[in-house]
Amino acid sequence: MKKSVFYHAGCPVCVSAEHDIVQLIGTENVEIIHLGNDRNKIAEAENAGVKSVPALVTPNGNVLHINFGASMDDVKK
């Protein structure tokens, strides 16, 4: 099974959501990408449809925007 991808920027909202996602679906089912540390993944996130973080991209391509930590424009700064 393909993994979900969880994108975040390291803010408290994002870190809290990351912990919840990992508890819900397990580390083996999700790839965690911290866009503040891995800036070369920003375009990948945008191409997947991520408009703000934290966001979870499901294996079938649905983007689940969770709460609102930062817009992608803020992440790019």
PDB file of N, CA and C in Angstrom:
ATOM      1  N   MET A   1       0.833  -1.183   0.000  1.00  0.00           N
ATOM      2  CA  MET A   1       0.000   0.000   0.000  1.00  0.00           C
ATOM      3  C   MET A   1       0.876   1.243   0.000  1.00  0.00           C
ATOM      4  N   LYS A   2       0.517   2.208  -0.804  1.00  0.00           N
ATOM      5  CA  LYS A   2       1.218   3.478  -0.855  1.00  0.00           C
ATOM      6  C   LYS A   2       0.938   4.259   0.426  1.00  0.00           C
ATOM      7  N   LYS A   3       1.926   5.006   0.882  1.00  0.00           N
ATOM      8  CA  LYS A   3       1.782   5.788   2.105  1.00  0.00           C
ATOM      9  C   LYS A   3       1.089   7.116   1.846  1.00  0.00           C
ATOM     10  N   SER A   4       0.454   7.627   2.888  1.00  0.00           N
ATOM     11  CA  SER A   4      -0.003   9.010   2.887  1.00  0.00           C
ATOM     12  C   SER A   4       1.227   9.882   3.122  1.00  0.00           C
ATOM     13  N   VAL A   5       1.127  11.158   2.762  1.00  0.00           N
ATOM     14  CA  VAL A   5       2.222  12.091   2.996  1.00  0.00           C
ATOM     15  C   VAL A   5       1.681  13.249   3.818  1.00  0.00           C
ATOM     16  N   PHE A   6       2.329  13.525   4.952  1.00  0.00           N
ATOM     17  CA  PHE A   6       1.934  14.605   5.835  1.00  0.00           C
ATOM     18  C   PHE A   6       2.960  15.724   5.700  1.00  0.00           C
ATOM     19  N   TYR A   7       2.503  16.877   5.220  1.00  0.00           N
ATOM     20  CA  TYR A   7       3.364  18.047   5.056  1.00  0.00           C
ATOM     21  C   TYR A   7       3.103  19.018   6.193  1.00  0.00           C
ATOM     22  N   HIS A   8       4.184  19.567   6.742  1.00  0.00           N
ATOM     23  CA  HIS A   8       4.021  20.585   7.776  1.00  0.00           C
ATOM     24  C   HIS A   8       5.228  21.509   7.779  1.00  0.00           C
ATOM     25  N   ALA A   9       5.124  22.582   8.591  1.00  0.00           N
ATOM     26  CA  ALA A   9       6.188  23.594   8.622  1.00  0.00           C
ATOM     27  C   ALA A   9       6.834  23.737   9.995  1.00  0.00           C
ATOM     28  N   GLY A  10       6.472  22.877  10.930  1.00  0.00           N
ATOM     29  CA  GLY A  10       7.126  22.883  12.228  1.00  0.00           C
ATOM     30  C   GLY A  10       6.483  23.758  13.290  1.00  0.00           C
ATOM     31  N   CYS A  11       5.418  24.459  12.956  1.00  0.00           N
ATOM     32  CA  CYS A  11       4.746  25.305  13.944  1.00  0.00           C
ATOM     33  C   CYS A  11       4.030  24.419  14.969  1.00  0.00           C
ATOM     34  N   PRO A  12       3.622  24.976  16.110  1.00  0.00           N
ATOM     35  CA  PRO A  12       2.936  24.156  17.122  1.00  0.00           C
ATOM     36  C   PRO A  12       1.678  23.457  16.605  1.00  0.00           C
ATOM     37  N   VAL A  13       0.898  24.131  15.763  1.00  0.00           N
ATOM     38  CA  VAL A  13      -0.299  23.498  15.181  1.00  0.00           C
ATOM     39  C   VAL A  13       0.109  22.281  14.358  1.00  0.00           C
ATOM     40  N   CYS A  14       1.165  22.441  13.552  1.00  0.00           N
ATOM     41  CA  CYS A  14       1.632  21.353  12.693  1.00  0.00           C
ATOM     42  C   CYS A  14       2.170  20.175  13.494  1.00  0.00           C
ATOM     43  N   VAL A  15       2.963  20.456  14.518  1.00  0.00           N
ATOM     44  CA  VAL A  15       3.561  19.391  15.325  1.00  0.00           C
ATOM     45  C   VAL A  15       2.473  18.616  16.066  1.00  0.00           C
ATOM     46  N   SER A  16       1.490  19.322  16.585  1.00  0.00           N
ATOM     47  CA  SER A  16       0.375  18.657  17.252  1.00  0.00           C
ATOM     48  C   SER A  16      -0.378  17.755  16.280  1.00  0.00           C
ATOM     49  N   ALA A  17      -0.657  18.273  15.080  1.00  0.00           N
ATOM     50  CA  ALA A  17      -1.348  17.475  14.060  1.00  0.00           C
ATOM     51  C   ALA A  17      -0.510  16.262  13.652  1.00  0.00           C
ATOM     52  N   GLU A  18       0.810  16.448  13.542  1.00  0.00           N
ATOM     53  CA  GLU A  18       1.690  15.328  13.190  1.00  0.00           C
ATOM     54  C   GLU A  18       1.551  14.201  14.208  1.00  0.00           C
ATOM     55  N   HIS A  19       1.585  14.536  15.492  1.00  0.00           N
ATOM     56  CA  HIS A  19       1.463  13.507  16.523  1.00  0.00           C
ATOM     57  C   HIS A  19       0.128  12.778  16.422  1.00  0.00           C
ATOM     58  N   ASP A  20      -0.938  13.523  16.175  1.00  0.00           N
ATOM     59  CA  ASP A  20      -2.258  12.902  16.041  1.00  0.00           C
ATOM     60  C   ASP A  20      -2.332  11.979  14.826  1.00  0.00           C
ATOM     61  N   ILE A  21      -1.794  12.439  13.694  1.00  0.00           N
ATOM     62  CA  ILE A  21      -1.809  11.623  12.465  1.00  0.00           C
ATOM     63  C   ILE A  21      -1.036  10.330  12.679  1.00  0.00           C
ATOM     64  N   VAL A  22       0.142  10.427  13.278  1.00  0.00           N
ATOM     65  CA  VAL A  22       0.956   9.232  13.518  1.00  0.00           C
ATOM     66  C   VAL A  22       0.213   8.261  14.434  1.00  0.00           C
ATOM     67  N   GLN A  23      -0.436   8.776  15.469  1.00  0.00           N
ATOM     68  CA  GLN A  23      -1.193   7.892  16.367  1.00  0.00           C
ATOM     69  C   GLN A  23      -2.384   7.254  15.657  1.00  0.00           C
ATOM     70  N   LEU A  24      -3.015   8.004  14.755  1.00  0.00           N
ATOM     71  CA  LEU A  24      -4.193   7.486  14.064  1.00  0.00           C
ATOM     72  C   LEU A  24      -3.861   6.434  13.010  1.00  0.00           C
ATOM     73  N   ILE A  25      -2.838   6.707  12.185  1.00  0.00           N
ATOM     74  CA  ILE A  25      -2.596   5.802  11.061  1.00  0.00           C
ATOM     75  C   ILE A  25      -1.269   5.055  11.141  1.00  0.00           C
ATOM     76  N   GLY A  26      -0.417   5.413  12.097  1.00  0.00           N
ATOM     77  CA  GLY A  26       0.840   4.687  12.293  1.00  0.00           C
ATOM     78  C   GLY A  26       1.979   5.201  11.432  1.00  0.00           C
ATOM     79  N   THR A  27       3.175   5.146  11.982  1.00  0.00           N
ATOM     80  CA  THR A  27       4.360   5.646  11.272  1.00  0.00           C
ATOM     81  C   THR A  27       4.635   4.880   9.983  1.00  0.00           C
ATOM     82  N   GLU A  28       4.226   3.614   9.939  1.00  0.00           N
ATOM     83  CA  GLU A  28       4.481   2.807   8.750  1.00  0.00           C
ATOM     84  C   GLU A  28       3.581   3.188   7.574  1.00  0.00           C
ATOM     85  N   ASN A  29       2.548   3.993   7.843  1.00  0.00           N
ATOM     86  CA  ASN A  29       1.593   4.356   6.799  1.00  0.00           C
ATOM     87  C   ASN A  29       1.663   5.813   6.364  1.00  0.00           C
ATOM     88  N   VAL A  30       2.611   6.564   6.908  1.00  0.00           N
ATOM     89  CA  VAL A  30       2.694   7.988   6.580  1.00  0.00           C
ATOM     90  C   VAL A  30       4.146   8.429   6.472  1.00  0.00           C
ATOM     91  N   GLU A  31       4.413   9.229   5.465  1.00  0.00           N
ATOM     92  CA  GLU A  31       5.711   9.882   5.315  1.00  0.00           C
ATOM     93  C   GLU A  31       5.547  11.304   5.820  1.00  0.00           C
ATOM     94  N   ILE A  32       6.414  11.722   6.737  1.00  0.00           N
ATOM     95  CA  ILE A  32       6.350  13.057   7.315  1.00  0.00           C
ATOM     96  C   ILE A  32       7.365  13.949   6.604  1.00  0.00           C
ATOM     97  N   ILE A  33       6.890  15.079   6.084  1.00  0.00           N
ATOM     98  CA  ILE A  33       7.793  16.027   5.417  1.00  0.00           C
ATOM     99  C   ILE A  33       7.656  17.391   6.081  1.00  0.00           C
ATOM    100  N   HIS A  34       8.739  17.834   6.686  1.00  0.00           N
ATOM    101  CA  HIS A  34       8.823  19.141   7.341  1.00  0.00           C
ATOM    102  C   HIS A  34       9.357  20.114   6.288  1.00  0.00           C
ATOM    103  N   LEU A  35       8.478  20.947   5.747  1.00  0.00           N
ATOM    104  CA  LEU A  35       8.848  21.836   4.640  1.00  0.00           C
ATOM    105  C   LEU A  35       9.829  22.922   5.061  1.00  0.00           C
ATOM    106  N   GLY A  36       9.900  23.234   6.328  1.00  0.00           N
ATOM    107  CA  GLY A  36      10.892  24.192   6.803  1.00  0.00           C
ATOM    108  C   GLY A  36      12.300  23.628   6.732  1.00  0.00           C
ATOM    109  N   ASN A  37      12.414  22.324   6.928  1.00  0.00           N
ATOM    110  CA  ASN A  37      13.716  21.649   6.869  1.00  0.00           C
ATOM    111  C   ASN A  37      14.014  21.061   5.503  1.00  0.00           C
ATOM    112  N   ASP A  38      12.996  20.767   4.737  1.00  0.00           N
ATOM    113  CA  ASP A  38      13.150  20.099   3.439  1.00  0.00           C
ATOM    114  C   ASP A  38      12.475  20.958   2.365  1.00  0.00           C
ATOM    115  N   ARG A  39      13.043  22.146   2.138  1.00  0.00           N
ATOM    116  CA  ARG A  39      12.430  23.146   1.266  1.00  0.00           C
ATOM    117  C   ARG A  39      12.304  22.685  -0.187  1.00  0.00           C
ATOM    118  N   ASN A  40      13.109  21.736  -0.606  1.00  0.00           N
ATOM    119  CA  ASN A  40      13.009  21.242  -1.982  1.00  0.00           C
ATOM    120  C   ASN A  40      11.732  20.433  -2.214  1.00  0.00           C
ATOM    121  N   LYS A  41      10.959  20.169  -1.164  1.00  0.00           N
ATOM    122  CA  LYS A  41       9.693  19.442  -1.295  1.00  0.00           C
ATOM    123  C   LYS A  41       8.488  20.383  -1.417  1.00  0.00           C
ATOM    124  N   ILE A  42       8.719  21.708  -1.356  1.00  0.00           N
ATOM    125  CA  ILE A  42       7.613  22.662  -1.439  1.00  0.00           C
ATOM    126  C   ILE A  42       6.869  22.517  -2.762  1.00  0.00           C
ATOM    127  N   ALA A  43       7.583  22.451  -3.869  1.00  0.00           N
ATOM    128  CA  ALA A  43       6.937  22.309  -5.179  1.00  0.00           C
ATOM    129  C   ALA A  43       6.155  21.004  -5.256  1.00  0.00           C
ATOM    130  N   GLU A  44       6.698  19.941  -4.699  1.00  0.00           N
ATOM    131  CA  GLU A  44       5.999  18.646  -4.668  1.00  0.00           C
ATOM    132  C   GLU A  44       4.669  18.776  -3.926  1.00  0.00           C
ATOM    133  N   ALA A  45       4.700  19.447  -2.792  1.00  0.00           N
ATOM    134  CA  ALA A  45       3.481  19.647  -2.002  1.00  0.00           C
ATOM    135  C   ALA A  45       2.455  20.453  -2.792  1.00  0.00           C
ATOM    136  N   GLU A  46       2.901  21.539  -3.412  1.00  0.00           N
ATOM    137  CA  GLU A  46       1.991  22.372  -4.202  1.00  0.00           C
ATOM    138  C   GLU A  46       1.421  21.606  -5.381  1.00  0.00           C
ATOM    139  N   ASN A  47       2.242  20.811  -6.043  1.00  0.00           N
ATOM    140  CA  ASN A  47       1.768  20.004  -7.174  1.00  0.00           C
ATOM    141  C   ASN A  47       0.741  18.962  -6.738  1.00  0.00           C
ATOM    142  N   ALA A  48       0.833  18.533  -5.488  1.00  0.00           N
ATOM    143  CA  ALA A  48      -0.129  17.569  -4.955  1.00  0.00           C
ATOM    144  C   ALA A  48      -1.440  18.248  -4.562  1.00  0.00           C
ATOM    145  N   GLY A  49      -1.438  19.596  -4.527  1.00  0.00           N
ATOM    146  CA  GLY A  49      -2.657  20.329  -4.191  1.00  0.00           C
ATOM    147  C   GLY A  49      -2.674  20.945  -2.809  1.00  0.00           C
ATOM    148  N   VAL A  50      -1.542  20.905  -2.114  1.00  0.00           N
ATOM    149  CA  VAL A  50      -1.469  21.477  -0.775  1.00  0.00           C
ATOM    150  C   VAL A  50      -1.512  22.995  -0.879  1.00  0.00           C
ATOM    151  N   LYS A  51      -2.461  23.615  -0.167  1.00  0.00           N
ATOM    152  CA  LYS A  51      -2.631  25.073  -0.153  1.00  0.00           C
ATOM    153  C   LYS A  51      -2.159  25.682   1.159  1.00  0.00           C
ATOM    154  N   SER A  52      -2.176  24.878   2.219  1.00  0.00           N
ATOM    155  CA  SER A  52      -1.719  25.318   3.533  1.00  0.00           C
ATOM    156  C   SER A  52      -1.262  24.090   4.303  1.00  0.00           C
ATOM    157  N   VAL A  53      -0.486  24.332   5.339  1.00  0.00           N
ATOM    158  CA  VAL A  53      -0.025  23.234   6.189  1.00  0.00           C
ATOM    159  C   VAL A  53      -0.528  23.465   7.601  1.00  0.00           C
ATOM    160  N   PRO A  54      -0.780  22.415   8.334  1.00  0.00           N
ATOM    161  CA  PRO A  54      -0.536  21.013   8.033  1.00  0.00           C
ATOM    162  C   PRO A  54      -1.559  20.446   7.046  1.00  0.00           C
ATOM    163  N   ALA A  55      -1.098  19.503   6.249  1.00  0.00           N
ATOM    164  CA  ALA A  55      -1.970  18.849   5.278  1.00  0.00           C
ATOM    165  C   ALA A  55      -1.529  17.401   5.086  1.00  0.00           C
ATOM    166  N   LEU A  56      -2.506  16.555   4.875  1.00  0.00           N
ATOM    167  CA  LEU A  56      -2.253  15.139   4.617  1.00  0.00           C
ATOM    168  C   LEU A  56      -2.717  14.821   3.212  1.00  0.00           C
ATOM    169  N   VAL A  57      -1.816  14.258   2.414  1.00  0.00           N
ATOM    170  CA  VAL A  57      -2.171  13.806   1.068  1.00  0.00           C
ATOM    171  C   VAL A  57      -2.343  12.295   1.149  1.00  0.00           C
ATOM    172  N   THR A  58      -3.541  11.833   0.825  1.00  0.00           N
ATOM    173  CA  THR A  58      -3.845  10.406   0.930  1.00  0.00           C
ATOM    174  C   THR A  58      -3.252   9.650  -0.258  1.00  0.00           C
ATOM    175  N   PRO A  59      -3.154   8.329  -0.144  1.00  0.00           N
ATOM    176  CA  PRO A  59      -2.595   7.548  -1.239  1.00  0.00           C
ATOM    177  C   PRO A  59      -3.313   7.730  -2.580  1.00  0.00           C
ATOM    178  N   ASN A  60      -4.605   8.053  -2.552  1.00  0.00           N
ATOM    179  CA  ASN A  60      -5.315   8.246  -3.827  1.00  0.00           C
ATOM    180  C   ASN A  60      -5.323   9.707  -4.270  1.00  0.00           C
ATOM    181  N   GLY A  61      -4.546  10.573  -3.583  1.00  0.00           N
ATOM    182  CA  GLY A  61      -4.360  11.939  -4.052  1.00  0.00           C
ATOM    183  C   GLY A  61      -5.253  12.996  -3.433  1.00  0.00           C
ATOM    184  N   ASN A  62      -6.141  12.610  -2.520  1.00  0.00           N
ATOM    185  CA  ASN A  62      -6.951  13.615  -1.840  1.00  0.00           C
ATOM    186  C   ASN A  62      -6.091  14.407  -0.874  1.00  0.00           C
ATOM    187  N   VAL A  63      -6.314  15.711  -0.791  1.00  0.00           N
ATOM    188  CA  VAL A  63      -5.573  16.564   0.136  1.00  0.00           C
ATOM    189  C   VAL A  63      -6.508  16.945   1.269  1.00  0.00           C
ATOM    190  N   LEU A  64      -6.099  16.595   2.479  1.00  0.00           N
ATOM    191  CA  LEU A  64      -6.875  16.918   3.668  1.00  0.00           C
ATOM    192  C   LEU A  64      -6.139  18.034   4.406  1.00  0.00           C
ATOM    193  N   HIS A  65      -6.663  19.239   4.317  1.00  0.00           N
ATOM    194  CA  HIS A  65      -6.062  20.372   5.019  1.00  0.00           C
ATOM    195  C   HIS A  65      -6.548  20.326   6.466  1.00  0.00           C
ATOM    196  N   ILE A  66      -5.610  20.298   7.378  1.00  0.00           N
ATOM    197  CA  ILE A  66      -5.913  20.112   8.788  1.00  0.00           C
ATOM    198  C   ILE A  66      -5.643  21.424   9.520  1.00  0.00           C
ATOM    199  N   ASN A  67      -6.701  21.968  10.157  1.00  0.00           N
ATOM    200  CA  ASN A  67      -6.534  23.218  10.869  1.00  0.00           C
ATOM    201  C   ASN A  67      -5.964  24.263   9.924  1.00  0.00           C
ATOM    202  N   PHE A  68      -5.236  25.235  10.431  1.00  0.00           N
ATOM    203  CA  PHE A  68      -4.532  26.180   9.562  1.00  0.00           C
ATOM    204  C   PHE A  68      -3.318  26.672  10.311  1.00  0.00           C
ATOM    205  N   GLY A  69      -2.152  26.226   9.866  1.00  0.00           N
ATOM    206  CA  GLY A  69      -0.901  26.651  10.474  1.00  0.00           C
ATOM    207  C   GLY A  69      -0.265  27.756   9.664  1.00  0.00           C
ATOM    208  N   ALA A  70      -0.127  27.531   8.356  1.00  0.00           N
ATOM    209  CA  ALA A  70       0.516  28.516   7.478  1.00  0.00           C
ATOM    210  C   ALA A  70       0.122  28.241   6.035  1.00  0.00           C
ATOM    211  N   SER A  71      -0.009  29.315   5.264  1.00  0.00           N
ATOM    212  CA  SER A  71      -0.262  29.151   3.835  1.00  0.00           C
ATOM    213  C   SER A  71       1.040  28.728   3.164  1.00  0.00           C
ATOM    214  N   MET A  72       0.954  28.197   1.975  1.00  0.00           N
ATOM    215  CA  MET A  72       2.171  27.815   1.244  1.00  0.00           C
ATOM    216  C   MET A  72       3.003  29.052   0.925  1.00  0.00           C
ATOM    217  N   ASP A  73       2.362  30.211   0.718  1.00  0.00           N
ATOM    218  CA  ASP A  73       3.129  31.439   0.508  1.00  0.00           C
ATOM    219  C   ASP A  73       3.980  31.764   1.726  1.00  0.00           C
ATOM    220  N   ASP A  74       3.438  31.567   2.912  1.00  0.00           N
ATOM    221  CA  ASP A  74       4.209  31.789   4.140  1.00  0.00           C
ATOM    222  C   ASP A  74       5.362  30.802   4.256  1.00  0.00           C
ATOM    223  N   VAL A  75       5.126  29.576   3.859  1.00  0.00           N
ATOM    224  CA  VAL A  75       6.160  28.541   3.936  1.00  0.00           C
ATOM    225  C   VAL A  75       7.332  28.885   3.014  1.00  0.00           C
ATOM    226  N   LYS A  76       7.053  29.482   1.879  1.00  0.00           N
ATOM    227  CA  LYS A  76       8.093  29.815   0.889  1.00  0.00           C
ATOM    228  C   LYS A  76       9.005  30.945   1.347  1.00  0.00           C
ATOM    229  N   LYS A  77       8.575  31.741   2.295  1.00  0.00           N
ATOM    230  CA  LYS A  77       9.365  32.906   2.736  1.00  0.00           C
ATOM    231  C   LYS A  77      10.615  32.500   3.470  1.00  0.00           C
TER     232      LYS A  77
END
